[in-house]
Amino acid sequence: MKRHVALFSAFAAVILFVACQQDDYIPFGPEQIDYSQAKQGKTIEMIEEMELKEAFGTTAFTIPRNNVLSAFGVKKLPEDLTFFGVDKKGNRLCGSRYFTSTSGFYFDKDGFACSPASKDACVFVDFTPSTLKLVVGQVPEACKAGETYTLHMGLTTSSVYCPIDLMLTIATAGEWAVYFKHSDGLTYTVLETVKTDYTSLPVYIDEEALCGALGLSSFAKLIEGMKASKPTVMFYGLNADGSEYLISAEDGSSPQAGYTANNKGHWFDNNGNVCKWKDSGWFCFSEWDGSSNPIFFNIGQATTGVEPGMSATIRQKFVHGDKEAVITFKVEIVNKILEINE
């Protein structure tokens, strides 16, 4: 039997923090901090993974705070902590005046800091000192699965530096999406990697659980009730607060169920509220054609603004008389999905 699980680590890479040589640059101006006299601190080691990317999409992870504190021999993060890259001459390029990326550096295939215009530029790394978050991205088509790069960089203060040799292995992506049914038969966890198109994952619903909650004997009765001239079964998208998504009726009668995606479907934002296509915060969609048997919903995601680590709980509801069945999808965006044989 096979069971799918998600790897929630930030990306596939092996990270070894080891020593680099000091440089002898002279700080620019009296207000620039002089890092040239910093002494080497302890080594920090981490192991992570990074998938092959097709675009400039990034993956982030956080360096454990305790590891940094131990390496620098301090109890709180130094105020002058900064990120540096090492160039081909072995110079430590410390701080923003040398950055070639937003808050870090591009690196070539030999792992040295370079210009983004360099023909050998393959990856970039940005760093946020306050959160210790590293964001790594790939130059499109510059990396290949199976390649390994050693990126020469590190963290420094005016007194201590902890160089980082980031040994980065590019891995192929696993399956792009899977789902798990919860014990109630009406709740599903959906795991997807980032997609740049509207590919959807069909999630098959437990017919017995759904019809049982509605007091119906079969799925055929559910469809019959929805298609009746005066429908006895209604279908709604729900906002995060549980309210139904309704639109004004053209004839001025009471508001009716509204749809914002294909067929009987809805787009949802990253807070779990029904939204329209490309609205601010648009995150994922759940679509049902209104007649599929066995019943399944297509779950997909926005083509922009989606990153690993994002998640939202989205809900859609069937109503039959005084009974209702809420279908819940817990959509999570992960970096990689592994398949494990049991």
Foldseek 3Di string as FASTA:
>chain_A
DWDWDFDFFQAAFWWWFDDADEDDDDDDDPVGQAQRQAAAFDIDTDGHHHADDQAQDKTKDADDPVSVCRRVVHDDQDPQKWKWFAAPVRYTRTFDVPDQDPAHAFAFQQQGGDHPPDPRGFKIWHADSVRRMIMIGTHHPNDDAQRWYFHWMWMGGSHYTTIIGITHHYHHFDDAKDKDADPLQQEMEIEGAADQDFAWDKDFGDFCSACVQQVHPGVVVQLVQCPDPPHQKAKFWAAPVGDTDWDQDPVRDDTGHDAQDPANKFWAFLAQGTDHPPDVRTFKMWDWNSDDVSGIIIIGTHNPDDHAPGWYKTWMKMHGPPGIRIRIYTYGHHRHMDMDDD
